[in-house]
C-alpha atoms as a PDB file:
ATOM      1  CA  UNK A   1      74.007  42.618  28.429  1.00  0.00           C
ATOM      2  CA  UNK A   2      75.945  41.259  25.492  1.00  0.00           C
ATOM      3  CA  UNK A   3      74.552  39.986  22.163  1.00  0.00           C
ATOM      4  CA  UNK A   4      75.214  36.306  22.910  1.00  0.00           C
ATOM      5  CA  UNK A   5      73.195  36.373  26.114  1.00  0.00           C
ATOM      6  CA  UNK A   6      70.375  38.262  24.397  1.00  0.00           C
ATOM      7  CA  UNK A   7      70.194  35.730  21.534  1.00  0.00           C
ATOM      8  CA  UNK A   8      70.166  32.774  23.896  1.00  0.00           C
ATOM      9  CA  UNK A   9      67.382  34.373  25.958  1.00  0.00           C
ATOM     10  CA  UNK A  10      65.332  34.980  22.824  1.00  0.00           C
ATOM     11  CA  UNK A  11      65.742  31.428  21.516  1.00  0.00           C
ATOM     12  CA  UNK A  12      64.757  29.998  24.874  1.00  0.00           C
ATOM     13  CA  UNK A  13      61.742  32.297  24.985  1.00  0.00           C
ATOM     14  CA  UNK A  14      59.856  30.834  22.017  1.00  0.00           C
ATOM     15  CA  UNK A  15      61.761  31.024  18.743  1.00  0.00           C
ATOM     16  CA  UNK A  16      61.257  33.326  15.824  1.00  0.00           C
ATOM     17  CA  UNK A  17      58.718  36.127  15.817  1.00  0.00           C
ATOM     18  CA  UNK A  18      55.375  35.595  14.090  1.00  0.00           C
ATOM     19  CA  UNK A  19      55.445  36.661  10.441  1.00  0.00           C
ATOM     20  CA  UNK A  20      59.114  35.792   9.906  1.00  0.00           C
ATOM     21  CA  UNK A  21      58.192  33.075   7.414  1.00  0.00           C
ATOM     22  CA  UNK A  22      55.941  35.417   5.471  1.00  0.00           C
ATOM     23  CA  UNK A  23      58.674  37.987   4.889  1.00  0.00           C
ATOM     24  CA  UNK A  24      61.025  35.228   3.719  1.00  0.00           C
ATOM     25  CA  UNK A  25      58.393  33.956   1.302  1.00  0.00           C
ATOM     26  CA  UNK A  26      57.807  37.448  -0.100  1.00  0.00           C
ATOM     27  CA  UNK A  27      61.551  37.947  -0.513  1.00  0.00           C
ATOM     28  CA  UNK A  28      61.893  34.651  -2.418  1.00  0.00           C
ATOM     29  CA  UNK A  29      58.970  35.500  -4.721  1.00  0.00           C
ATOM     30  CA  UNK A  30      60.541  38.891  -5.467  1.00  0.00           C
ATOM     31  CA  UNK A  31      63.895  37.243  -6.135  1.00  0.00           C
ATOM     32  CA  UNK A  32      62.362  34.824  -8.661  1.00  0.00           C
ATOM     33  CA  UNK A  33      60.423  37.695 -10.238  1.00  0.00           C
ATOM     34  CA  UNK A  34      63.603  39.691 -10.776  1.00  0.00           C
ATOM     35  CA  UNK A  35      65.388  36.628 -12.154  1.00  0.00           C
ATOM     36  CA  UNK A  36      62.537  36.077 -14.600  1.00  0.00           C
ATOM     37  CA  UNK A  37      62.542  39.697 -15.773  1.00  0.00           C
ATOM     38  CA  UNK A  38      66.287  40.018 -16.243  1.00  0.00           C
ATOM     39  CA  UNK A  39      67.352  36.510 -17.291  1.00  0.00           C
ATOM     40  CA  UNK A  40      64.633  34.163 -18.505  1.00  0.00           C
ATOM     41  CA  UNK A  41      62.371  36.555 -20.432  1.00  0.00           C
ATOM     42  CA  UNK A  42      65.112  38.113 -22.625  1.00  0.00           C
ATOM     43  CA  UNK A  43      66.555  34.681 -23.372  1.00  0.00           C
ATOM     44  CA  UNK A  44      63.161  33.366 -24.503  1.00  0.00           C
ATOM     45  CA  UNK A  45      62.670  36.436 -26.697  1.00  0.00           C
ATOM     46  CA  UNK A  46      66.078  35.916 -28.307  1.00  0.00           C
ATOM     47  CA  UNK A  47      65.327  32.222 -28.882  1.00  0.00           C
ATOM     48  CA  UNK A  48      62.014  33.038 -30.593  1.00  0.00           C
ATOM     49  CA  UNK A  49      63.727  35.570 -32.872  1.00  0.00           C
ATOM     50  CA  UNK A  50      66.357  32.980 -33.827  1.00  0.00           C
ATOM     51  CA  UNK A  51      63.675  30.371 -34.599  1.00  0.00           C
ATOM     52  CA  UNK A  52      61.820  32.922 -36.734  1.00  0.00           C
ATOM     53  CA  UNK A  53      65.044  33.769 -38.601  1.00  0.00           C
ATOM     54  CA  UNK A  54      65.747  30.087 -39.310  1.00  0.00           C
ATOM     55  CA  UNK A  55      62.217  29.431 -40.530  1.00  0.00           C
ATOM     56  CA  UNK A  56      62.339  32.424 -42.905  1.00  0.00           C
ATOM     57  CA  UNK A  57      65.645  31.459 -44.556  1.00  0.00           C
ATOM     58  CA  UNK A  58      65.603  31.677 -48.326  1.00  0.00           C
ATOM     59  CA  UNK A  59      68.025  31.095 -51.164  1.00  0.00           C
ATOM     60  CA  UNK A  60      70.644  33.842 -51.441  1.00  0.00           C
ATOM     61  CA  UNK A  61      70.697  34.803 -47.753  1.00  0.00           C
ATOM     62  CA  UNK A  62      74.164  35.425 -46.351  1.00  0.00           C
ATOM     63  CA  UNK A  63      74.534  33.494 -43.090  1.00  0.00           C
ATOM     64  CA  UNK A  64      77.040  32.544 -40.406  1.00  0.00           C
ATOM     65  CA  UNK A  65      77.099  29.108 -38.776  1.00  0.00           C
ATOM     66  CA  UNK A  66      77.808  28.387 -35.124  1.00  0.00           C
ATOM     67  CA  UNK A  67      81.296  27.259 -36.156  1.00  0.00           C
ATOM     68  CA  UNK A  68      82.018  30.646 -37.745  1.00  0.00           C
ATOM     69  CA  UNK A  69      81.639  29.621 -41.394  1.00  0.00           C
ATOM     70  CA  UNK A  70      80.343  32.378 -43.662  1.00  0.00           C
ATOM     71  CA  UNK A  71      78.320  31.387 -46.695  1.00  0.00           C
ATOM     72  CA  UNK A  72      75.335  31.973 -48.939  1.00  0.00           C
ATOM     73  CA  UNK A  73      72.254  29.754 -48.694  1.00  0.00           C
ATOM     74  CA  UNK A  74      71.916  27.626 -51.827  1.00  0.00           C
ATOM     75  CA  UNK A  75      69.304  25.025 -50.875  1.00  0.00           C
ATOM     76  CA  UNK A  76      66.961  24.546 -47.909  1.00  0.00           C
ATOM     77  CA  UNK A  77      65.534  21.225 -46.763  1.00  0.00           C
ATOM     78  CA  UNK A  78      63.545  20.256 -43.687  1.00  0.00           C
ATOM     79  CA  UNK A  79      66.411  19.960 -41.206  1.00  0.00           C
ATOM     80  CA  UNK A  80      69.456  20.964 -43.260  1.00  0.00           C
ATOM     81  CA  UNK A  81      70.734  23.832 -45.366  1.00  0.00           C
ATOM     82  CA  UNK A  82      73.251  23.738 -48.206  1.00  0.00           C
ATOM     83  CA  UNK A  83      75.495  26.786 -48.073  1.00  0.00           C
ATOM     84  CA  UNK A  84      77.920  27.910 -50.749  1.00  0.00           C
ATOM     85  CA  UNK A  85      81.166  28.823 -49.049  1.00  0.00           C
ATOM     86  CA  UNK A  86      83.647  29.723 -51.801  1.00  0.00           C
ATOM     87  CA  UNK A  87      83.611  29.077 -55.525  1.00  0.00           C
ATOM     88  CA  UNK A  88      82.182  25.582 -56.032  1.00  0.00           C
ATOM     89  CA  UNK A  89      82.557  24.579 -52.373  1.00  0.00           C
ATOM     90  CA  UNK A  90      79.240  23.764 -50.744  1.00  0.00           C
ATOM     91  CA  UNK A  91      78.554  22.502 -47.237  1.00  0.00           C
ATOM     92  CA  UNK A  92      75.423  20.877 -45.885  1.00  0.00           C
ATOM     93  CA  UNK A  93      74.826  21.983 -42.295  1.00  0.00           C
ATOM     94  CA  UNK A  94      72.050  21.464 -39.795  1.00  0.00           C
ATOM     95  CA  UNK A  95      69.538  24.296 -39.801  1.00  0.00           C
ATOM     96  CA  UNK A  96      70.057  24.765 -36.047  1.00  0.00           C
ATOM     97  CA  UNK A  97      73.736  25.603 -36.593  1.00  0.00           C
ATOM     98  CA  UNK A  98      72.885  28.802 -38.472  1.00  0.00           C
ATOM     99  CA  UNK A  99      73.054  31.614 -35.963  1.00  0.00           C
ATOM    100  CA  UNK A 100      72.765  34.908 -37.815  1.00  0.00           C
ATOM    101  CA  UNK A 101      72.528  36.864 -41.047  1.00  0.00           C
ATOM    102  CA  UNK A 102      75.679  38.739 -41.960  1.00  0.00           C
ATOM    103  CA  UNK A 103      74.404  40.756 -44.908  1.00  0.00           C
ATOM    104  CA  UNK A 104      73.734  43.674 -42.530  1.00  0.00           C
ATOM    105  CA  UNK A 105      77.313  43.520 -41.193  1.00  0.00           C
ATOM    106  CA  UNK A 106      78.873  44.067 -44.606  1.00  0.00           C
ATOM    107  CA  UNK A 107      80.639  47.450 -44.871  1.00  0.00           C
ATOM    108  CA  UNK A 108      78.737  49.991 -46.918  1.00  0.00           C
ATOM    109  CA  UNK A 109      80.745  51.359 -49.853  1.00  0.00           C
END
């Protein structure tokens, strides 16, 4: 007997076996659990660290903006930060555009 005839006999005989929906449900729950562990949880942790970094900014910190501008924090307001870029050049940027501290990246002499 070939596979096609067997499948047609099974579908005519009553459909899917009992418990087929339960195994699918368990598989979907496991899939979402794995997605949470490997994608959502680390992203939330990274976001919290970035928020903590932005809230703890102080004058003199060396920072990098999202646009790639390196500068030193000169003044901090509620939603904006004034960074000194070069010489007397200062830029006011949104606090959310500051992405990291680059003082650790500086080469050690």
